[in-house]
Structure formats: C-alpha cells, structure tokens
Amino acid sequence: MLALVMYDISDNKSRTRLHKQLKEFGLNTQKSVFECEVAWDTLEKLIEIGEGCLDPETDSFRIYRVCERCRRKVAVSGQGIKLVGLDYMVI
C-alpha cells in the first residue's frame, strides 16, 4: 500500500534521525514528506519509528494510507516525482 508519511519536528537531531530512517522505507518527495510503498507490518514499524523521534508536546507525525483508486488520481506538478507501484517489494 502507498503511505504518505509527514512530520514536523522542532529538534534538529531528532528530525535528522527520523529523516535518515524514513529514507530506508520510501522516497523523500518534499522536505518533510515521504511516499512509502509498504506492507501492513511495515506500517506499524513506521509508526513506532515516528513516535520514537518526536516530542508529543511540540511535534507531529502523520501517516495517510492511500488506496489504489485514490492513488491513480494523484497529480504532480512542477519538479515532483510520482511514486509508481512496484511489482515486487524489497525486504
């Protein structure tokens, strides 16, 4: 499934750590937005990683699951990269 992962973290060290970890799961399409092609168990891992890097008083971490029908309606303008579905998953 496609998951949009976005964050707003004030601490530089925590933000950098989260960014580096998310690079292992998907494509960094905006400064604090990743598009990840993941399975359900990986989605749970992403939630754990995000929650471990934020201060719940000042920061936010969000994951939006995108269904296949909605995915086909994604529009990208400018220099954006559109993530396409893969026929395989790298483990």
N, C-alpha and C. Protein backbone atom coordinates (compact mmCIF):
# COMPACT_ATOMS: atom_id res chain seq x y z
N MET A 1 0.85 -1.17 0.00
CA MET A 1 0.00 0.00 0.00
C MET A 1 0.89 1.23 0.00
N LEU A 2 0.35 2.31 -0.54
CA LEU A 2 1.07 3.58 -0.53
C LEU A 2 0.73 4.31 0.76
N ALA A 3 1.74 4.79 1.44
CA ALA A 3 1.54 5.58 2.65
C ALA A 3 2.29 6.90 2.51
N LEU A 4 1.60 7.99 2.81
CA LEU A 4 2.24 9.29 2.87
C LEU A 4 2.65 9.52 4.31
N VAL A 5 3.91 9.78 4.52
CA VAL A 5 4.44 9.99 5.86
C VAL A 5 4.95 11.42 5.92
N MET A 6 4.46 12.17 6.92
CA MET A 6 4.90 13.55 7.06
C MET A 6 5.13 13.89 8.51
N TYR A 7 6.04 14.82 8.71
CA TYR A 7 6.40 15.15 10.08
C TYR A 7 6.76 16.62 10.20
N ASP A 8 6.62 17.13 11.41
CA ASP A 8 7.03 18.48 11.76
C ASP A 8 7.69 18.36 13.13
N ILE A 9 9.00 18.27 13.15
CA ILE A 9 9.76 18.05 14.37
C ILE A 9 10.72 19.21 14.60
N SER A 10 10.65 19.81 15.78
CA SER A 10 11.43 21.02 16.06
C SER A 10 12.90 20.75 16.38
N ASP A 11 13.20 19.63 17.02
CA ASP A 11 14.58 19.33 17.40
C ASP A 11 15.38 18.83 16.19
N ASN A 12 16.46 19.51 15.86
CA ASN A 12 17.26 19.17 14.68
C ASN A 12 17.77 17.73 14.70
N LYS A 13 18.28 17.30 15.84
CA LYS A 13 18.84 15.95 15.95
C LYS A 13 17.76 14.89 15.72
N SER A 14 16.61 15.06 16.35
CA SER A 14 15.50 14.10 16.18
C SER A 14 14.98 14.11 14.76
N ARG A 15 14.87 15.30 14.18
CA ARG A 15 14.37 15.42 12.80
C ARG A 15 15.32 14.73 11.83
N THR A 16 16.61 14.94 12.00
CA THR A 16 17.60 14.31 11.12
C THR A 16 17.58 12.80 11.27
N ARG A 17 17.47 12.32 12.52
CA ARG A 17 17.41 10.88 12.76
C ARG A 17 16.20 10.26 12.08
N LEU A 18 15.03 10.90 12.21
CA LEU A 18 13.82 10.39 11.58
C LEU A 18 13.95 10.40 10.06
N HIS A 19 14.46 11.48 9.51
CA HIS A 19 14.64 11.60 8.06
C HIS A 19 15.51 10.44 7.53
N LYS A 20 16.62 10.18 8.20
CA LYS A 20 17.52 9.10 7.77
C LYS A 20 16.83 7.75 7.83
N GLN A 21 16.03 7.52 8.87
CA GLN A 21 15.33 6.24 9.00
C GLN A 21 14.26 6.08 7.92
N LEU A 22 13.54 7.16 7.63
CA LEU A 22 12.47 7.08 6.63
C LEU A 22 13.02 6.85 5.23
N LYS A 23 14.25 7.27 4.97
CA LYS A 23 14.86 7.04 3.65
C LYS A 23 14.96 5.55 3.33
N GLU A 24 14.96 4.71 4.35
CA GLU A 24 15.03 3.26 4.13
C GLU A 24 13.69 2.68 3.68
N PHE A 25 12.62 3.46 3.83
CA PHE A 25 11.28 2.95 3.54
C PHE A 25 10.62 3.56 2.31
N GLY A 26 11.10 4.72 1.87
CA GLY A 26 10.41 5.35 0.75
C GLY A 26 11.17 6.50 0.14
N LEU A 27 10.46 7.21 -0.69
CA LEU A 27 11.01 8.30 -1.47
C LEU A 27 10.68 9.63 -0.80
N ASN A 28 11.69 10.46 -0.59
CA ASN A 28 11.52 11.78 0.02
C ASN A 28 11.07 12.75 -1.07
N THR A 29 9.75 12.99 -1.16
CA THR A 29 9.21 13.80 -2.25
C THR A 29 9.09 15.28 -1.91
N GLN A 30 9.11 15.65 -0.65
CA GLN A 30 9.13 17.03 -0.18
C GLN A 30 10.04 17.06 1.04
N LYS A 31 10.32 18.25 1.58
CA LYS A 31 11.27 18.35 2.69
C LYS A 31 10.94 17.43 3.85
N SER A 32 9.71 17.37 4.27
CA SER A 32 9.34 16.51 5.41
C SER A 32 8.20 15.58 5.04
N VAL A 33 8.19 15.14 3.78
CA VAL A 33 7.15 14.21 3.30
C VAL A 33 7.82 13.06 2.56
N PHE A 34 7.39 11.84 2.90
CA PHE A 34 7.87 10.65 2.22
C PHE A 34 6.69 9.89 1.64
N GLU A 35 6.89 9.28 0.49
CA GLU A 35 5.93 8.36 -0.09
C GLU A 35 6.54 6.97 0.03
N CYS A 36 5.85 6.09 0.76
CA CYS A 36 6.39 4.77 1.05
C CYS A 36 5.45 3.68 0.56
N GLU A 37 5.99 2.72 -0.13
CA GLU A 37 5.25 1.54 -0.55
C GLU A 37 5.54 0.47 0.49
N VAL A 38 4.56 0.18 1.35
CA VAL A 38 4.81 -0.68 2.50
C VAL A 38 3.70 -1.71 2.71
N ALA A 39 4.04 -2.75 3.44
CA ALA A 39 3.06 -3.75 3.88
C ALA A 39 2.54 -3.32 5.25
N TRP A 40 1.47 -3.98 5.72
CA TRP A 40 0.85 -3.61 7.00
C TRP A 40 1.82 -3.66 8.15
N ASP A 41 2.65 -4.71 8.23
CA ASP A 41 3.58 -4.82 9.36
C ASP A 41 4.64 -3.73 9.31
N THR A 42 5.02 -3.32 8.11
CA THR A 42 5.98 -2.23 7.96
C THR A 42 5.35 -0.91 8.38
N LEU A 43 4.08 -0.75 8.12
CA LEU A 43 3.37 0.46 8.52
C LEU A 43 3.43 0.62 10.05
N GLU A 44 3.25 -0.47 10.76
CA GLU A 44 3.35 -0.44 12.22
C GLU A 44 4.75 -0.04 12.66
N LYS A 45 5.76 -0.51 11.95
CA LYS A 45 7.15 -0.16 12.26
C LYS A 45 7.38 1.34 12.03
N LEU A 46 6.82 1.88 10.96
CA LEU A 46 6.94 3.31 10.69
C LEU A 46 6.32 4.15 11.82
N ILE A 47 5.19 3.69 12.33
CA ILE A 47 4.55 4.40 13.45
C ILE A 47 5.47 4.39 14.67
N GLU A 48 6.06 3.25 14.98
CA GLU A 48 6.99 3.16 16.11
C GLU A 48 8.18 4.10 15.93
N ILE A 49 8.74 4.13 14.74
CA ILE A 49 9.89 4.99 14.46
C ILE A 49 9.51 6.45 14.65
N GLY A 50 8.39 6.84 14.07
CA GLY A 50 7.95 8.23 14.17
C GLY A 50 7.68 8.66 15.59
N GLU A 51 6.97 7.83 16.33
CA GLU A 51 6.65 8.16 17.72
C GLU A 51 7.90 8.22 18.58
N GLY A 52 8.93 7.46 18.21
CA GLY A 52 10.18 7.47 18.97
C GLY A 52 11.04 8.69 18.73
N CYS A 53 10.73 9.45 17.70
CA CYS A 53 11.55 10.61 17.34
C CYS A 53 10.89 11.95 17.68
N LEU A 54 9.70 11.93 18.20
CA LEU A 54 9.03 13.22 18.39
C LEU A 54 8.73 13.52 19.85
N ASP A 55 8.56 14.79 20.10
CA ASP A 55 8.09 15.28 21.40
C ASP A 55 6.60 15.55 21.21
N PRO A 56 5.73 14.77 21.85
CA PRO A 56 4.29 14.91 21.62
C PRO A 56 3.73 16.27 22.02
N GLU A 57 4.48 17.03 22.78
CA GLU A 57 4.03 18.37 23.18
C GLU A 57 4.24 19.42 22.09
N THR A 58 5.24 19.20 21.24
CA THR A 58 5.59 20.23 20.25
C THR A 58 5.61 19.75 18.81
N ASP A 59 5.68 18.45 18.58
CA ASP A 59 5.90 17.90 17.24
C ASP A 59 4.68 17.13 16.73
N SER A 60 4.71 16.81 15.45
CA SER A 60 3.66 15.95 14.89
C SER A 60 4.26 14.98 13.89
N PHE A 61 3.61 13.83 13.77
CA PHE A 61 4.00 12.78 12.85
C PHE A 61 2.70 12.19 12.32
N ARG A 62 2.55 12.14 11.00
CA ARG A 62 1.31 11.66 10.39
C ARG A 62 1.59 10.65 9.30
N ILE A 63 0.69 9.67 9.21
CA ILE A 63 0.74 8.71 8.12
C ILE A 63 -0.66 8.63 7.51
N TYR A 64 -0.74 8.82 6.21
CA TYR A 64 -2.00 8.68 5.49
C TYR A 64 -1.87 7.50 4.53
N ARG A 65 -2.77 6.55 4.66
CA ARG A 65 -2.79 5.43 3.72
C ARG A 65 -3.58 5.86 2.49
N VAL A 66 -3.06 5.53 1.31
CA VAL A 66 -3.69 5.93 0.06
C VAL A 66 -4.14 4.66 -0.67
N CYS A 67 -5.44 4.55 -0.92
CA CYS A 67 -5.96 3.37 -1.61
C CYS A 67 -5.58 3.42 -3.09
N GLU A 68 -5.70 2.29 -3.75
CA GLU A 68 -5.31 2.21 -5.18
C GLU A 68 -6.13 3.16 -6.04
N ARG A 69 -7.42 3.25 -5.78
CA ARG A 69 -8.27 4.14 -6.59
C ARG A 69 -7.82 5.59 -6.43
N CYS A 70 -7.55 5.99 -5.20
CA CYS A 70 -7.09 7.37 -4.95
C CYS A 70 -5.70 7.59 -5.51
N ARG A 71 -4.88 6.57 -5.47
CA ARG A 71 -3.51 6.67 -5.96
C ARG A 71 -3.47 7.03 -7.45
N ARG A 72 -4.42 6.49 -8.20
CA ARG A 72 -4.46 6.77 -9.64
C ARG A 72 -4.84 8.22 -9.92
N LYS A 73 -5.38 8.91 -8.93
CA LYS A 73 -5.80 10.30 -9.10
C LYS A 73 -4.75 11.30 -8.64
N VAL A 74 -3.60 10.82 -8.21
CA VAL A 74 -2.54 11.71 -7.73
C VAL A 74 -2.06 12.58 -8.89
N ALA A 75 -1.98 13.87 -8.65
CA ALA A 75 -1.47 14.82 -9.65
C ALA A 75 -0.18 15.44 -9.11
N VAL A 76 0.83 15.48 -9.96
CA VAL A 76 2.11 16.08 -9.58
C VAL A 76 2.41 17.18 -10.58
N SER A 77 2.70 18.36 -10.07
CA SER A 77 3.06 19.49 -10.93
C SER A 77 4.48 19.93 -10.59
N GLY A 78 5.13 20.53 -11.52
CA GLY A 78 6.48 21.02 -11.26
C GLY A 78 7.49 19.89 -11.28
N GLN A 79 8.43 19.96 -10.38
CA GLN A 79 9.55 19.03 -10.37
C GLN A 79 9.30 17.79 -9.51
N GLY A 80 8.10 17.57 -9.08
CA GLY A 80 7.81 16.43 -8.21
C GLY A 80 8.01 15.10 -8.90
N ILE A 81 8.24 14.09 -8.10
CA ILE A 81 8.40 12.73 -8.58
C ILE A 81 7.17 11.95 -8.14
N LYS A 82 6.56 11.22 -9.06
CA LYS A 82 5.39 10.42 -8.72
C LYS A 82 5.83 8.98 -8.50
N LEU A 83 5.53 8.45 -7.32
CA LEU A 83 5.88 7.08 -6.99
C LEU A 83 4.91 6.15 -7.69
N VAL A 84 5.43 5.20 -8.43
CA VAL A 84 4.58 4.23 -9.12
C VAL A 84 4.66 2.91 -8.38
N GLY A 85 3.60 2.13 -8.46
CA GLY A 85 3.56 0.83 -7.78
C GLY A 85 4.59 -0.12 -8.36
N LEU A 86 5.19 -0.89 -7.47
CA LEU A 86 6.18 -1.86 -7.89
C LEU A 86 5.56 -3.25 -7.94
N ASP A 87 6.07 -4.09 -8.83
CA ASP A 87 5.60 -5.46 -8.91
C ASP A 87 6.29 -6.34 -7.88
N TYR A 88 7.20 -5.76 -7.10
CA TYR A 88 7.94 -6.51 -6.10
C TYR A 88 8.18 -5.60 -4.90
N MET A 89 8.60 -6.22 -3.81
CA MET A 89 8.92 -5.45 -2.61
C MET A 89 10.31 -5.85 -2.14
N VAL A 90 11.15 -4.89 -1.83
CA VAL A 90 12.48 -5.15 -1.32
C VAL A 90 12.39 -5.35 0.17
N ILE A 91 12.96 -6.45 0.65
CA ILE A 91 12.91 -6.75 2.09
C ILE A 91 14.31 -6.67 2.66
